[in-house]
Amino acid sequence: MTGVWRIPAALAVLSVIGLAAAILGDGVWDWLCWATLSVPLAVCAAKLWRQWPS
């Protein structure tokens, strides 16, 4: 059962890191924010793309 929660937990941690980076500053923080917040978005897009009916 613990294996089921690894990916959602990792995506949640990335989201929190990205949101914190957005609040903390500019420059490198902006790049960190974009990078960490784009990963959950890409995972969701890939999952939806695979489930889309042909």
PDB file of N, CA and C in Angstrom:
ATOM      1  N   MET A   1       0.817  -1.199   0.000  1.00  0.00           N
ATOM      2  CA  MET A   1       0.000   0.000   0.000  1.00  0.00           C
ATOM      3  C   MET A   1       0.860   1.262   0.000  1.00  0.00           C
ATOM      4  N   THR A   2       2.051   1.195   0.569  1.00  0.00           N
ATOM      5  CA  THR A   2       2.884   2.389   0.619  1.00  0.00           C
ATOM      6  C   THR A   2       3.396   2.784  -0.755  1.00  0.00           C
ATOM      7  N   GLY A   3       3.523   1.826  -1.680  1.00  0.00           N
ATOM      8  CA  GLY A   3       3.979   2.134  -3.025  1.00  0.00           C
ATOM      9  C   GLY A   3       3.000   2.988  -3.795  1.00  0.00           C
ATOM     10  N   VAL A   4       1.739   2.918  -3.449  1.00  0.00           N
ATOM     11  CA  VAL A   4       0.705   3.683  -4.132  1.00  0.00           C
ATOM     12  C   VAL A   4       0.882   5.174  -3.890  1.00  0.00           C
ATOM     13  N   TRP A   5       1.403   5.553  -2.746  1.00  0.00           N
ATOM     14  CA  TRP A   5       1.468   6.966  -2.363  1.00  0.00           C
ATOM     15  C   TRP A   5       2.794   7.640  -2.711  1.00  0.00           C
ATOM     16  N   ARG A   6       3.740   6.902  -3.278  1.00  0.00           N
ATOM     17  CA  ARG A   6       5.053   7.497  -3.553  1.00  0.00           C
ATOM     18  C   ARG A   6       4.983   8.595  -4.613  1.00  0.00           C
ATOM     19  N   ILE A   7       4.352   8.334  -5.732  1.00  0.00           N
ATOM     20  CA  ILE A   7       4.291   9.325  -6.812  1.00  0.00           C
ATOM     21  C   ILE A   7       3.458  10.542  -6.402  1.00  0.00           C
ATOM     22  N   PRO A   8       2.245  10.376  -5.866  1.00  0.00           N
ATOM     23  CA  PRO A   8       1.502  11.560  -5.428  1.00  0.00           C
ATOM     24  C   PRO A   8       2.233  12.353  -4.337  1.00  0.00           C
ATOM     25  N   ALA A   9       2.911  11.670  -3.446  1.00  0.00           N
ATOM     26  CA  ALA A   9       3.661  12.376  -2.402  1.00  0.00           C
ATOM     27  C   ALA A   9       4.830  13.151  -3.006  1.00  0.00           C
ATOM     28  N   ALA A  10       5.511  12.559  -3.976  1.00  0.00           N
ATOM     29  CA  ALA A  10       6.618  13.254  -4.641  1.00  0.00           C
ATOM     30  C   ALA A  10       6.114  14.482  -5.395  1.00  0.00           C
ATOM     31  N   LEU A  11       4.970  14.360  -6.061  1.00  0.00           N
ATOM     32  CA  LEU A  11       4.395  15.493  -6.771  1.00  0.00           C
ATOM     33  C   LEU A  11       3.961  16.591  -5.800  1.00  0.00           C
ATOM     34  N   ALA A  12       3.447  16.196  -4.651  1.00  0.00           N
ATOM     35  CA  ALA A  12       3.058  17.181  -3.636  1.00  0.00           C
ATOM     36  C   ALA A  12       4.276  17.912  -3.097  1.00  0.00           C
ATOM     37  N   VAL A  13       5.355  17.193  -2.850  1.00  0.00           N
ATOM     38  CA  VAL A  13       6.584  17.823  -2.349  1.00  0.00           C
ATOM     39  C   VAL A  13       7.134  18.790  -3.392  1.00  0.00           C
ATOM     40  N   LEU A  14       7.141  18.389  -4.672  1.00  0.00           N
ATOM     41  CA  LEU A  14       7.607  19.287  -5.725  1.00  0.00           C
ATOM     42  C   LEU A  14       6.744  20.541  -5.798  1.00  0.00           C
ATOM     43  N   SER A  15       5.442  20.375  -5.637  1.00  0.00           N
ATOM     44  CA  SER A  15       4.546  21.532  -5.674  1.00  0.00           C
ATOM     45  C   SER A  15       4.820  22.481  -4.520  1.00  0.00           C
ATOM     46  N   VAL A  16       5.029  21.948  -3.339  1.00  0.00           N
ATOM     47  CA  VAL A  16       5.305  22.793  -2.175  1.00  0.00           C
ATOM     48  C   VAL A  16       6.635  23.518  -2.354  1.00  0.00           C
ATOM     49  N   ILE A  17       7.644  22.817  -2.856  1.00  0.00           N
ATOM     50  CA  ILE A  17       8.943  23.452  -3.101  1.00  0.00           C
ATOM     51  C   ILE A  17       8.799  24.561  -4.136  1.00  0.00           C
ATOM     52  N   GLY A  18       8.045  24.296  -5.192  1.00  0.00           N
ATOM     53  CA  GLY A  18       7.848  25.305  -6.226  1.00  0.00           C
ATOM     54  C   GLY A  18       7.096  26.525  -5.727  1.00  0.00           C
ATOM     55  N   LEU A  19       6.070  26.318  -4.933  1.00  0.00           N
ATOM     56  CA  LEU A  19       5.312  27.442  -4.395  1.00  0.00           C
ATOM     57  C   LEU A  19       6.148  28.240  -3.392  1.00  0.00           C
ATOM     58  N   ALA A  20       6.946  27.548  -2.588  1.00  0.00           N
ATOM     59  CA  ALA A  20       7.826  28.246  -1.655  1.00  0.00           C
ATOM     60  C   ALA A  20       8.889  29.052  -2.409  1.00  0.00           C
ATOM     61  N   ALA A  21       9.415  28.486  -3.490  1.00  0.00           N
ATOM     62  CA  ALA A  21      10.418  29.193  -4.285  1.00  0.00           C
ATOM     63  C   ALA A  21       9.819  30.439  -4.920  1.00  0.00           C
ATOM     64  N   ALA A  22       8.552  30.381  -5.297  1.00  0.00           N
ATOM     65  CA  ALA A  22       7.893  31.542  -5.892  1.00  0.00           C
ATOM     66  C   ALA A  22       7.767  32.674  -4.884  1.00  0.00           C
ATOM     67  N   ILE A  23       7.606  32.328  -3.628  1.00  0.00           N
ATOM     68  CA  ILE A  23       7.456  33.338  -2.592  1.00  0.00           C
ATOM     69  C   ILE A  23       8.806  33.903  -2.156  1.00  0.00           C
ATOM     70  N   LEU A  24       9.842  33.071  -2.168  1.00  0.00           N
ATOM     71  CA  LEU A  24      11.119  33.444  -1.568  1.00  0.00           C
ATOM     72  C   LEU A  24      11.905  34.516  -2.310  1.00  0.00           C
ATOM     73  N   GLY A  25      11.890  34.506  -3.622  1.00  0.00           N
ATOM     74  CA  GLY A  25      12.731  35.501  -4.273  1.00  0.00           C
ATOM     75  C   GLY A  25      12.658  35.476  -5.780  1.00  0.00           C
ATOM     76  N   ASP A  26      13.634  36.156  -6.402  1.00  0.00           N
ATOM     77  CA  ASP A  26      13.705  36.279  -7.852  1.00  0.00           C
ATOM     78  C   ASP A  26      14.977  35.611  -8.371  1.00  0.00           C
ATOM     79  N   GLY A  27      15.117  35.614  -9.677  1.00  0.00           N
ATOM     80  CA  GLY A  27      16.308  35.049 -10.295  1.00  0.00           C
ATOM     81  C   GLY A  27      16.274  33.538 -10.300  1.00  0.00           C
ATOM     82  N   VAL A  28      17.196  32.926  -9.566  1.00  0.00           N
ATOM     83  CA  VAL A  28      17.277  31.466  -9.508  1.00  0.00           C
ATOM     84  C   VAL A  28      16.004  30.877  -8.902  1.00  0.00           C
ATOM     85  N   TRP A  29      15.423  31.580  -7.974  1.00  0.00           N
ATOM     86  CA  TRP A  29      14.186  31.098  -7.344  1.00  0.00           C
ATOM     87  C   TRP A  29      13.063  30.970  -8.371  1.00  0.00           C
ATOM     88  N   ASP A  30      12.999  31.901  -9.320  1.00  0.00           N
ATOM     89  CA  ASP A  30      11.986  31.818 -10.369  1.00  0.00           C
ATOM     90  C   ASP A  30      12.182  30.577 -11.228  1.00  0.00           C
ATOM     91  N   TRP A  31      13.438  30.302 -11.563  1.00  0.00           N
ATOM     92  CA  TRP A  31      13.726  29.105 -12.358  1.00  0.00           C
ATOM     93  C   TRP A  31      13.382  27.843 -11.584  1.00  0.00           C
ATOM     94  N   LEU A  32      13.692  27.818 -10.305  1.00  0.00           N
ATOM     95  CA  LEU A  32      13.348  26.664  -9.470  1.00  0.00           C
ATOM     96  C   LEU A  32      11.843  26.489  -9.396  1.00  0.00           C
ATOM     97  N   CYS A  33      11.131  27.602  -9.268  1.00  0.00           N
ATOM     98  CA  CYS A  33       9.668  27.572  -9.216  1.00  0.00           C
ATOM     99  C   CYS A  33       9.091  26.967 -10.500  1.00  0.00           C
ATOM    100  N   TRP A  34       9.535  27.482 -11.641  1.00  0.00           N
ATOM    101  CA  TRP A  34       9.026  26.976 -12.925  1.00  0.00           C
ATOM    102  C   TRP A  34       9.365  25.503 -13.112  1.00  0.00           C
ATOM    103  N   ALA A  35      10.568  25.113 -12.757  1.00  0.00           N
ATOM    104  CA  ALA A  35      10.989  23.723 -12.952  1.00  0.00           C
ATOM    105  C   ALA A  35      10.178  22.765 -12.075  1.00  0.00           C
ATOM    106  N   THR A  36      10.021  23.114 -10.806  1.00  0.00           N
ATOM    107  CA  THR A  36       9.327  22.194  -9.906  1.00  0.00           C
ATOM    108  C   THR A  36       7.814  22.171 -10.140  1.00  0.00           C
ATOM    109  N   LEU A  37       7.240  23.286 -10.553  1.00  0.00           N
ATOM    110  CA  LEU A  37       5.798  23.295 -10.807  1.00  0.00           C
ATOM    111  C   LEU A  37       5.436  22.729 -12.177  1.00  0.00           C
ATOM    112  N   SER A  38       6.405  22.635 -13.080  1.00  0.00           N
ATOM    113  CA  SER A  38       6.110  22.070 -14.391  1.00  0.00           C
ATOM    114  C   SER A  38       6.102  20.539 -14.369  1.00  0.00           C
ATOM    115  N   VAL A  39       6.787  19.939 -13.416  1.00  0.00           N
ATOM    116  CA  VAL A  39       6.834  18.476 -13.350  1.00  0.00           C
ATOM    117  C   VAL A  39       5.451  17.878 -13.071  1.00  0.00           C
ATOM    118  N   PRO A  40       4.712  18.319 -12.041  1.00  0.00           N
ATOM    119  CA  PRO A  40       3.374  17.760 -11.838  1.00  0.00           C
ATOM    120  C   PRO A  40       2.438  18.027 -13.024  1.00  0.00           C
ATOM    121  N   LEU A  41       2.583  19.183 -13.641  1.00  0.00           N
ATOM    122  CA  LEU A  41       1.776  19.496 -14.814  1.00  0.00           C
ATOM    123  C   LEU A  41       2.090  18.540 -15.959  1.00  0.00           C
ATOM    124  N   ALA A  42       3.358  18.266 -16.193  1.00  0.00           N
ATOM    125  CA  ALA A  42       3.757  17.341 -17.252  1.00  0.00           C
ATOM    126  C   ALA A  42       3.285  15.915 -16.967  1.00  0.00           C
ATOM    127  N   VAL A  43       3.354  15.503 -15.714  1.00  0.00           N
ATOM    128  CA  VAL A  43       2.889  14.159 -15.339  1.00  0.00           C
ATOM    129  C   VAL A  43       1.390  14.030 -15.586  1.00  0.00           C
ATOM    130  N   CYS A  44       0.622  15.045 -15.188  1.00  0.00           N
ATOM    131  CA  CYS A  44      -0.829  15.022 -15.410  1.00  0.00           C
ATOM    132  C   CYS A  44      -1.163  15.037 -16.896  1.00  0.00           C
ATOM    133  N   ALA A  45      -0.449  15.838 -17.676  1.00  0.00           N
ATOM    134  CA  ALA A  45      -0.689  15.900 -19.116  1.00  0.00           C
ATOM    135  C   ALA A  45      -0.369  14.562 -19.780  1.00  0.00           C
ATOM    136  N   ALA A  46       0.724  13.929 -19.379  1.00  0.00           N
ATOM    137  CA  ALA A  46       1.087  12.630 -19.952  1.00  0.00           C
ATOM    138  C   ALA A  46       0.042  11.573 -19.592  1.00  0.00           C
ATOM    139  N   LYS A  47      -0.429  11.599 -18.369  1.00  0.00           N
ATOM    140  CA  LYS A  47      -1.444  10.628 -17.935  1.00  0.00           C
ATOM    141  C   LYS A  47      -2.748  10.821 -18.712  1.00  0.00           C
ATOM    142  N   LEU A  48      -3.162  12.077 -18.882  1.00  0.00           N
ATOM    143  CA  LEU A  48      -4.379  12.341 -19.653  1.00  0.00           C
ATOM    144  C   LEU A  48      -4.209  11.966 -21.115  1.00  0.00           C
ATOM    145  N   TRP A  49      -3.014  12.199 -21.670  1.00  0.00           N
ATOM    146  CA  TRP A  49      -2.751  11.875 -23.065  1.00  0.00           C
ATOM    147  C   TRP A  49      -2.874  10.366 -23.294  1.00  0.00           C
ATOM    148  N   ARG A  50      -2.363   9.568 -22.361  1.00  0.00           N
ATOM    149  CA  ARG A  50      -2.446   8.111 -22.497  1.00  0.00           C
ATOM    150  C   ARG A  50      -3.862   7.587 -22.346  1.00  0.00           C
ATOM    151  N   GLN A  51      -4.698   8.270 -21.560  1.00  0.00           N
ATOM    152  CA  GLN A  51      -6.074   7.814 -21.341  1.00  0.00           C
ATOM    153  C   GLN A  51      -7.044   8.331 -22.364  1.00  0.00           C
ATOM    154  N   TRP A  52      -6.617   9.281 -23.213  1.00  0.00           N
ATOM    155  CA  TRP A  52      -7.510   9.878 -24.202  1.00  0.00           C
ATOM    156  C   TRP A  52      -7.954   8.801 -25.202  1.00  0.00           C
ATOM    157  N   PRO A  53      -9.268   8.729 -25.482  1.00  0.00           N
ATOM    158  CA  PRO A  53      -9.735   7.704 -26.429  1.00  0.00           C
ATOM    159  C   PRO A  53      -9.193   7.957 -27.836  1.00  0.00           C
ATOM    160  N   SER A  54      -8.860   6.884 -28.515  1.00  0.00           N
ATOM    161  CA  SER A  54      -8.281   7.002 -29.868  1.00  0.00           C
ATOM    162  C   SER A  54      -9.304   7.429 -30.898  1.00  0.00           C
TER     163      SER A  54
END
